[in-house]
PDB file of N, CA and C in Angstrom:
ATOM      1  N   MET A   1      -8.624 116.611 179.542  1.00  0.00           N
ATOM      2  CA  MET A   1      -8.723 116.229 178.167  1.00  0.00           C
ATOM      3  C   MET A   1      -7.679 115.146 177.897  1.00  0.00           C
ATOM      4  N   ALA A   2      -8.046 114.112 177.177  1.00  0.00           N
ATOM      5  CA  ALA A   2      -7.170 112.981 176.890  1.00  0.00           C
ATOM      6  C   ALA A   2      -6.255 113.313 175.712  1.00  0.00           C
ATOM      7  N   ALA A   3      -5.095 112.703 175.728  1.00  0.00           N
ATOM      8  CA  ALA A   3      -4.145 112.893 174.627  1.00  0.00           C
ATOM      9  C   ALA A   3      -4.684 112.214 173.381  1.00  0.00           C
ATOM     10  N   PRO A   4      -4.399 112.776 172.219  1.00  0.00           N
ATOM     11  CA  PRO A   4      -4.899 112.165 170.993  1.00  0.00           C
ATOM     12  C   PRO A   4      -4.248 110.798 170.764  1.00  0.00           C
ATOM     13  N   ALA A   5      -4.999 109.899 170.180  1.00  0.00           N
ATOM     14  CA  ALA A   5      -4.497 108.555 169.909  1.00  0.00           C
ATOM     15  C   ALA A   5      -3.469 108.617 168.790  1.00  0.00           C
ATOM     16  N   PRO A   6      -2.458 107.746 168.844  1.00  0.00           N
ATOM     17  CA  PRO A   6      -1.461 107.733 167.771  1.00  0.00           C
ATOM     18  C   PRO A   6      -2.107 107.246 166.482  1.00  0.00           C
ATOM     19  N   PRO A   7      -1.537 107.625 165.344  1.00  0.00           N
ATOM     20  CA  PRO A   7      -2.107 107.194 164.067  1.00  0.00           C
ATOM     21  C   PRO A   7      -2.006 105.681 163.930  1.00  0.00           C
ATOM     22  N   PRO A   8      -2.911 105.079 163.184  1.00  0.00           N
ATOM     23  CA  PRO A   8      -2.849 103.632 162.999  1.00  0.00           C
ATOM     24  C   PRO A   8      -1.591 103.250 162.218  1.00  0.00           C
ATOM     25  N   PRO A   9      -1.060 102.041 162.464  1.00  0.00           N
ATOM     26  CA  PRO A   9       0.161 101.642 161.764  1.00  0.00           C
ATOM     27  C   PRO A   9      -0.076 101.479 160.267  1.00  0.00           C
ATOM     28  N   THR A  10       0.891 101.965 159.520  1.00  0.00           N
ATOM     29  CA  THR A  10       0.876 101.802 158.066  1.00  0.00           C
ATOM     30  C   THR A  10       2.244 101.290 157.644  1.00  0.00           C
ATOM     31  N   ALA A  11       2.392 100.940 156.413  1.00  0.00           N
ATOM     32  CA  ALA A  11       3.677 100.450 155.922  1.00  0.00           C
ATOM     33  C   ALA A  11       4.767 101.511 156.104  1.00  0.00           C
ATOM     34  N   ALA A  12       4.406 102.772 156.053  1.00  0.00           N
ATOM     35  CA  ALA A  12       5.381 103.854 156.151  1.00  0.00           C
ATOM     36  C   ALA A  12       5.845 104.098 157.584  1.00  0.00           C
ATOM     37  N   ASN A  13       4.963 103.875 158.581  1.00  0.00           N
ATOM     38  CA  ASN A  13       5.345 104.230 159.946  1.00  0.00           C
ATOM     39  C   ASN A  13       5.415 103.046 160.895  1.00  0.00           C
ATOM     40  N   VAL A  14       5.310 101.822 160.391  1.00  0.00           N
ATOM     41  CA  VAL A  14       5.271 100.654 161.267  1.00  0.00           C
ATOM     42  C   VAL A  14       6.524 100.525 162.142  1.00  0.00           C
ATOM     43  N   GLY A  15       7.684 100.805 161.619  1.00  0.00           N
ATOM     44  CA  GLY A  15       8.910 100.673 162.407  1.00  0.00           C
ATOM     45  C   GLY A  15       9.506 102.000 162.796  1.00  0.00           C
ATOM     46  N   ALA A  16       8.754 103.065 162.710  1.00  0.00           N
ATOM     47  CA  ALA A  16       9.296 104.397 162.969  1.00  0.00           C
ATOM     48  C   ALA A  16       9.791 104.552 164.398  1.00  0.00           C
ATOM     49  N   ASP A  17       9.151 103.858 165.339  1.00  0.00           N
ATOM     50  CA  ASP A  17       9.556 104.027 166.730  1.00  0.00           C
ATOM     51  C   ASP A  17      10.697 103.082 167.126  1.00  0.00           C
ATOM     52  N   LEU A  18      11.068 102.196 166.248  1.00  0.00           N
ATOM     53  CA  LEU A  18      12.173 101.290 166.535  1.00  0.00           C
ATOM     54  C   LEU A  18      13.486 101.935 166.130  1.00  0.00           C
ATOM     55  N   LYS A  19      14.480 101.700 166.923  1.00  0.00           N
ATOM     56  CA  LYS A  19      15.801 102.219 166.577  1.00  0.00           C
ATOM     57  C   LYS A  19      16.400 101.314 165.510  1.00  0.00           C
ATOM     58  N   THR A  20      17.090 101.942 164.588  1.00  0.00           N
ATOM     59  CA  THR A  20      17.746 101.150 163.561  1.00  0.00           C
ATOM     60  C   THR A  20      18.977 100.501 164.174  1.00  0.00           C
ATOM     61  N   PRO A  21      19.271  99.266 163.791  1.00  0.00           N
ATOM     62  CA  PRO A  21      20.455  98.629 164.369  1.00  0.00           C
ATOM     63  C   PRO A  21      21.700  99.388 163.942  1.00  0.00           C
ATOM     64  N   SER A  22      22.509  99.709 164.898  1.00  0.00           N
ATOM     65  CA  SER A  22      23.729 100.453 164.582  1.00  0.00           C
ATOM     66  C   SER A  22      24.904  99.488 164.564  1.00  0.00           C
ATOM     67  N   THR A  23      25.920  99.850 163.833  1.00  0.00           N
ATOM     68  CA  THR A  23      27.124  99.036 163.810  1.00  0.00           C
ATOM     69  C   THR A  23      27.857  99.240 165.123  1.00  0.00           C
ATOM     70  N   PRO A  24      28.518  98.212 165.599  1.00  0.00           N
ATOM     71  CA  PRO A  24      29.224  98.368 166.863  1.00  0.00           C
ATOM     72  C   PRO A  24      30.294  99.448 166.747  1.00  0.00           C
ATOM     73  N   ALA A  25      30.440 100.213 167.809  1.00  0.00           N
ATOM     74  CA  ALA A  25      31.431 101.291 167.806  1.00  0.00           C
ATOM     75  C   ALA A  25      32.842 100.706 167.790  1.00  0.00           C
ATOM     76  N   LYS A  26      33.706 101.336 167.048  1.00  0.00           N
ATOM     77  CA  LYS A  26      35.103 100.913 166.979  1.00  0.00           C
ATOM     78  C   LYS A  26      35.753 101.229 168.324  1.00  0.00           C
ATOM     79  N   PRO A  27      36.492 100.280 168.886  1.00  0.00           N
ATOM     80  CA  PRO A  27      37.120 100.557 170.184  1.00  0.00           C
ATOM     81  C   PRO A  27      38.174 101.646 170.061  1.00  0.00           C
ATOM     82  N   LYS A  28      38.452 102.276 171.156  1.00  0.00           N
ATOM     83  CA  LYS A  28      39.495 103.301 171.171  1.00  0.00           C
ATOM     84  C   LYS A  28      40.860 102.617 171.128  1.00  0.00           C
ATOM     85  N   PRO A  29      41.831 103.214 170.457  1.00  0.00           N
ATOM     86  CA  PRO A  29      43.141 102.577 170.340  1.00  0.00           C
ATOM     87  C   PRO A  29      43.834 102.363 171.686  1.00  0.00           C
ATOM     88  N   CYS A  30      43.490 103.167 172.667  1.00  0.00           N
ATOM     89  CA  CYS A  30      44.127 103.023 173.976  1.00  0.00           C
ATOM     90  C   CYS A  30      43.615 101.806 174.740  1.00  0.00           C
ATOM     91  N   CYS A  31      42.493 101.253 174.290  1.00  0.00           N
ATOM     92  CA  CYS A  31      41.832 100.193 175.054  1.00  0.00           C
ATOM     93  C   CYS A  31      42.060  98.797 174.487  1.00  0.00           C
ATOM     94  N   VAL A  32      42.809  98.679 173.420  1.00  0.00           N
ATOM     95  CA  VAL A  32      43.059  97.372 172.824  1.00  0.00           C
ATOM     96  C   VAL A  32      44.557  97.082 172.825  1.00  0.00           C
ATOM     97  N   CYS A  33      44.894  95.838 172.772  1.00  0.00           N
ATOM     98  CA  CYS A  33      46.293  95.387 172.685  1.00  0.00           C
ATOM     99  C   CYS A  33      47.144  95.908 173.846  1.00  0.00           C
ATOM    100  N   THR A  34      46.561  95.971 175.024  1.00  0.00           N
ATOM    101  CA  THR A  34      47.279  96.546 176.162  1.00  0.00           C
ATOM    102  C   THR A  34      48.472  95.699 176.592  1.00  0.00           C
ATOM    103  N   ASP A  35      48.345  94.373 176.519  1.00  0.00           N
ATOM    104  CA  ASP A  35      49.479  93.522 176.901  1.00  0.00           C
ATOM    105  C   ASP A  35      50.642  93.692 175.936  1.00  0.00           C
ATOM    106  N   GLU A  36      50.331  93.694 174.643  1.00  0.00           N
ATOM    107  CA  GLU A  36      51.375  93.853 173.635  1.00  0.00           C
ATOM    108  C   GLU A  36      52.050  95.216 173.761  1.00  0.00           C
ATOM    109  N   LYS A  37      51.242  96.232 174.032  1.00  0.00           N
ATOM    110  CA  LYS A  37      51.784  97.590 174.178  1.00  0.00           C
ATOM    111  C   LYS A  37      52.707  97.675 175.395  1.00  0.00           C
ATOM    112  N   ALA A  38      52.288  97.076 176.504  1.00  0.00           N
ATOM    113  CA  ALA A  38      53.095  97.123 177.722  1.00  0.00           C
ATOM    114  C   ALA A  38      54.432  96.409 177.520  1.00  0.00           C
ATOM    115  N   LYS A  39      54.411  95.253 176.866  1.00  0.00           N
ATOM    116  CA  LYS A  39      55.660  94.522 176.611  1.00  0.00           C
ATOM    117  C   LYS A  39      56.572  95.305 175.674  1.00  0.00           C
ATOM    118  N   ARG A  40      55.976  95.905 174.643  1.00  0.00           N
ATOM    119  CA  ARG A  40      56.755  96.710 173.699  1.00  0.00           C
ATOM    120  C   ARG A  40      57.402  97.890 174.417  1.00  0.00           C
ATOM    121  N   ASP A  41      56.602  98.612 175.206  1.00  0.00           N
ATOM    122  CA  ASP A  41      57.112  99.791 175.920  1.00  0.00           C
ATOM    123  C   ASP A  41      58.199  99.418 176.919  1.00  0.00           C
ATOM    124  N   GLU A  42      57.981  98.329 177.647  1.00  0.00           N
ATOM    125  CA  GLU A  42      58.974  97.895 178.627  1.00  0.00           C
ATOM    126  C   GLU A  42      60.294  97.555 177.944  1.00  0.00           C
ATOM    127  N   CYS A  43      60.204  96.864 176.832  1.00  0.00           N
ATOM    128  CA  CYS A  43      61.415  96.508 176.093  1.00  0.00           C
ATOM    129  C   CYS A  43      62.146  97.763 175.615  1.00  0.00           C
ATOM    130  N   MET A  44      61.412  98.689 175.038  1.00  0.00           N
ATOM    131  CA  MET A  44      62.041  99.898 174.491  1.00  0.00           C
ATOM    132  C   MET A  44      62.626 100.790 175.593  1.00  0.00           C
ATOM    133  N   LEU A  45      61.914 100.911 176.699  1.00  0.00           N
ATOM    134  CA  LEU A  45      62.349 101.835 177.749  1.00  0.00           C
ATOM    135  C   LEU A  45      63.491 101.293 178.607  1.00  0.00           C
ATOM    136  N   PHE A  46      63.485  99.985 178.830  1.00  0.00           N
ATOM    137  CA  PHE A  46      64.449  99.419 179.765  1.00  0.00           C
ATOM    138  C   PHE A  46      65.515  98.561 179.076  1.00  0.00           C
ATOM    139  N   SER A  47      65.661  98.718 177.786  1.00  0.00           N
ATOM    140  CA  SER A  47      66.654  97.952 177.044  1.00  0.00           C
ATOM    141  C   SER A  47      68.062  98.438 177.380  1.00  0.00           C
ATOM    142  N   ASN A  48      68.974  97.492 177.510  1.00  0.00           N
ATOM    143  CA  ASN A  48      70.388  97.832 177.733  1.00  0.00           C
ATOM    144  C   ASN A  48      71.172  97.768 176.436  1.00  0.00           C
ATOM    145  N   SER A  49      70.470  97.508 175.353  1.00  0.00           N
ATOM    146  CA  SER A  49      71.088  97.368 174.047  1.00  0.00           C
ATOM    147  C   SER A  49      71.469  98.735 173.480  1.00  0.00           C
ATOM    148  N   ASN A  50      72.442  98.726 172.570  1.00  0.00           N
ATOM    149  CA  ASN A  50      72.788  99.950 171.858  1.00  0.00           C
ATOM    150  C   ASN A  50      71.726 100.303 170.833  1.00  0.00           C
ATOM    151  N   ASN A  51      70.921  99.305 170.435  1.00  0.00           N
ATOM    152  CA  ASN A  51      69.889  99.523 169.435  1.00  0.00           C
ATOM    153  C   ASN A  51      68.576  98.883 169.901  1.00  0.00           C
ATOM    154  N   PRO A  52      67.830  99.553 170.783  1.00  0.00           N
ATOM    155  CA  PRO A  52      66.583  98.977 171.305  1.00  0.00           C
ATOM    156  C   PRO A  52      65.548  98.717 170.212  1.00  0.00           C
ATOM    157  N   GLN A  53      65.563  99.507 169.139  1.00  0.00           N
ATOM    158  CA  GLN A  53      64.593  99.282 168.061  1.00  0.00           C
ATOM    159  C   GLN A  53      64.799  97.917 167.430  1.00  0.00           C
ATOM    160  N   GLU A  54      66.035  97.534 167.250  1.00  0.00           N
ATOM    161  CA  GLU A  54      66.335  96.227 166.661  1.00  0.00           C
ATOM    162  C   GLU A  54      66.019  95.112 167.656  1.00  0.00           C
ATOM    163  N   GLU A  55      66.394  95.319 168.903  1.00  0.00           N
ATOM    164  CA  GLU A  55      66.163  94.308 169.942  1.00  0.00           C
ATOM    165  C   GLU A  55      64.668  94.046 170.153  1.00  0.00           C
ATOM    166  N   CYS A  56      63.840  95.063 170.054  1.00  0.00           N
ATOM    167  CA  CYS A  56      62.410  94.958 170.358  1.00  0.00           C
ATOM    168  C   CYS A  56      61.545  94.846 169.105  1.00  0.00           C
ATOM    169  N   ALA A  57      62.150  94.630 167.948  1.00  0.00           N
ATOM    170  CA  ALA A  57      61.415  94.626 166.686  1.00  0.00           C
ATOM    171  C   ALA A  57      60.285  93.602 166.677  1.00  0.00           C
ATOM    172  N   ASP A  58      60.504  92.416 167.273  1.00  0.00           N
ATOM    173  CA  ASP A  58      59.451  91.403 167.267  1.00  0.00           C
ATOM    174  C   ASP A  58      58.249  91.844 168.100  1.00  0.00           C
ATOM    175  N   LEU A  59      58.495  92.534 169.210  1.00  0.00           N
ATOM    176  CA  LEU A  59      57.389  93.021 170.045  1.00  0.00           C
ATOM    177  C   LEU A  59      56.634  94.163 169.364  1.00  0.00           C
ATOM    178  N   VAL A  60      57.365  94.991 168.643  1.00  0.00           N
ATOM    179  CA  VAL A  60      56.736  96.079 167.885  1.00  0.00           C
ATOM    180  C   VAL A  60      55.849  95.487 166.791  1.00  0.00           C
ATOM    181  N   THR A  61      56.341  94.451 166.129  1.00  0.00           N
ATOM    182  CA  THR A  61      55.564  93.793 165.074  1.00  0.00           C
ATOM    183  C   THR A  61      54.306  93.152 165.642  1.00  0.00           C
ATOM    184  N   LYS A  62      54.421  92.488 166.782  1.00  0.00           N
ATOM    185  CA  LYS A  62      53.244  91.873 167.419  1.00  0.00           C
ATOM    186  C   LYS A  62      52.206  92.936 167.771  1.00  0.00           C
ATOM    187  N   TYR A  63      52.664  94.067 168.279  1.00  0.00           N
ATOM    188  CA  TYR A  63      51.746  95.158 168.623  1.00  0.00           C
ATOM    189  C   TYR A  63      51.051  95.699 167.378  1.00  0.00           C
ATOM    190  N   LYS A  64      51.798  95.909 166.308  1.00  0.00           N
ATOM    191  CA  LYS A  64      51.220  96.427 165.065  1.00  0.00           C
ATOM    192  C   LYS A  64      50.185  95.459 164.500  1.00  0.00           C
ATOM    193  N   LEU A  65      50.485  94.155 164.535  1.00  0.00           N
ATOM    194  CA  LEU A  65      49.541  93.155 164.029  1.00  0.00           C
ATOM    195  C   LEU A  65      48.269  93.117 164.870  1.00  0.00           C
ATOM    196  N   CYS A  66      48.426  93.235 166.169  1.00  0.00           N
ATOM    197  CA  CYS A  66      47.263  93.266 167.058  1.00  0.00           C
ATOM    198  C   CYS A  66      46.392  94.477 166.744  1.00  0.00           C
ATOM    199  N   MET A  67      47.005  95.642 166.608  1.00  0.00           N
ATOM    200  CA  MET A  67      46.246  96.860 166.310  1.00  0.00           C
ATOM    201  C   MET A  67      45.558  96.760 164.942  1.00  0.00           C
ATOM    202  N   LYS A  68      46.225  96.160 163.975  1.00  0.00           N
ATOM    203  CA  LYS A  68      45.650  95.989 162.650  1.00  0.00           C
ATOM    204  C   LYS A  68      44.399  95.107 162.731  1.00  0.00           C
ATOM    205  N   GLY A  69      44.412  94.140 163.628  1.00  0.00           N
ATOM    206  CA  GLY A  69      43.262  93.284 163.830  1.00  0.00           C
ATOM    207  C   GLY A  69      42.024  94.042 164.288  1.00  0.00           C
ATOM    208  N   TYR A  70      42.238  95.186 164.913  1.00  0.00           N
ATOM    209  CA  TYR A  70      41.127  96.039 165.358  1.00  0.00           C
ATOM    210  C   TYR A  70      40.827  97.161 164.362  1.00  0.00           C
ATOM    211  N   GLY A  71      41.537  97.161 163.240  1.00  0.00           N
ATOM    212  CA  GLY A  71      41.277  98.145 162.207  1.00  0.00           C
ATOM    213  C   GLY A  71      42.126  99.398 162.269  1.00  0.00           C
ATOM    214  N   PHE A  72      43.177  99.382 163.079  1.00  0.00           N
ATOM    215  CA  PHE A  72      44.058 100.544 163.187  1.00  0.00           C
ATOM    216  C   PHE A  72      45.323 100.303 162.383  1.00  0.00           C
ATOM    217  N   GLU A  73      45.724 101.294 161.615  1.00  0.00           N
ATOM    218  CA  GLU A  73      46.970 101.233 160.858  1.00  0.00           C
ATOM    219  C   GLU A  73      48.010 102.094 161.577  1.00  0.00           C
ATOM    220  N   ILE A  74      49.143 101.493 161.857  1.00  0.00           N
ATOM    221  CA  ILE A  74      50.216 102.221 162.557  1.00  0.00           C
ATOM    222  C   ILE A  74      51.402 102.330 161.632  1.00  0.00           C
TER     223      ILE A  74
END
Protein backbone atom coordinates (compact mmCIF):
# COMPACT_ATOMS: atom_id res chain seq x y z
CA MET A 1 0.00 0.00 0.00
CA ALA A 2 1.36 3.44 -0.94
CA ALA A 3 1.82 6.23 1.57
CA PRO A 4 -0.82 8.94 1.44
CA ALA A 5 0.08 12.03 -0.57
CA PRO A 6 0.90 15.17 1.40
CA PRO A 7 -1.79 17.85 1.49
CA PRO A 8 -1.64 20.47 -1.25
CA PRO A 9 0.21 23.68 -0.34
CA THR A 10 -1.86 26.45 1.15
CA ALA A 11 -0.99 29.83 2.59
CA ALA A 12 -1.03 28.27 6.06
CA ASN A 13 1.35 25.36 5.38
CA VAL A 14 3.53 26.56 2.50
CA GLY A 15 6.62 27.13 4.66
CA ALA A 16 5.84 24.63 7.40
CA ASP A 17 8.66 22.31 6.40
CA LEU A 18 11.24 25.09 6.27
CA LYS A 19 13.24 25.88 9.33
CA THR A 20 12.87 29.38 10.62
CA PRO A 21 16.10 31.35 10.45
CA SER A 22 17.65 31.35 13.87
CA THR A 23 19.84 34.03 15.33
CA PRO A 24 23.48 33.08 15.52
CA ALA A 25 24.43 31.50 18.82
CA LYS A 26 26.37 33.70 21.21
CA PRO A 27 29.94 32.43 21.52
CA LYS A 28 31.09 30.98 24.80
CA PRO A 29 33.14 33.38 26.93
CA CYS A 30 36.04 30.93 27.01
CA CYS A 31 36.35 31.01 23.23
CA VAL A 32 36.71 34.74 22.60
CA CYS A 33 39.44 37.26 23.40
CA THR A 34 41.96 34.49 24.03
CA ASP A 35 45.00 36.63 23.19
CA GLU A 36 43.91 39.44 25.48
CA LYS A 37 43.12 36.97 28.25
CA ALA A 38 46.51 35.25 27.94
CA LYS A 39 48.39 38.57 28.09
CA ARG A 40 46.32 39.72 31.07
CA ASP A 41 46.87 36.44 32.93
CA GLU A 42 50.59 36.38 32.19
CA CYS A 43 50.98 39.92 33.46
CA MET A 44 49.04 39.24 36.65
CA LEU A 45 50.68 35.90 37.42
CA PHE A 46 54.29 36.74 36.64
CA SER A 47 54.43 40.37 37.74
CA ASN A 48 57.33 41.37 39.98
CA SER A 49 55.49 44.51 41.02
CA ASN A 50 54.14 45.13 44.50
CA ASN A 51 50.82 46.00 42.85
CA PRO A 52 50.16 43.76 39.81
CA GLN A 53 46.60 45.10 39.48
CA GLU A 54 47.93 48.58 38.84
CA GLU A 55 50.74 47.37 36.57
CA CYS A 56 48.37 45.26 34.42
CA ALA A 57 45.40 47.66 34.42
CA ASP A 58 45.74 48.45 30.70
CA LEU A 59 45.67 44.75 29.79
CA VAL A 60 42.66 44.17 32.03
CA THR A 61 40.89 47.08 30.32
CA LYS A 62 41.69 45.71 26.85
CA TYR A 63 40.30 42.32 27.87
CA LYS A 64 37.10 43.85 29.27
CA LEU A 65 36.57 45.92 26.10
CA CYS A 66 37.09 42.86 23.92
CA MET A 67 34.59 40.83 25.96
CA LYS A 68 32.09 43.70 25.84
CA GLY A 69 32.36 43.60 22.05
CA TYR A 70 30.98 40.06 22.19
CA GLY A 71 28.17 41.06 24.54
CA PHE A 72 29.71 39.98 27.85
CA GLU A 73 29.76 42.30 30.84
CA ILE A 74 32.60 41.74 33.29
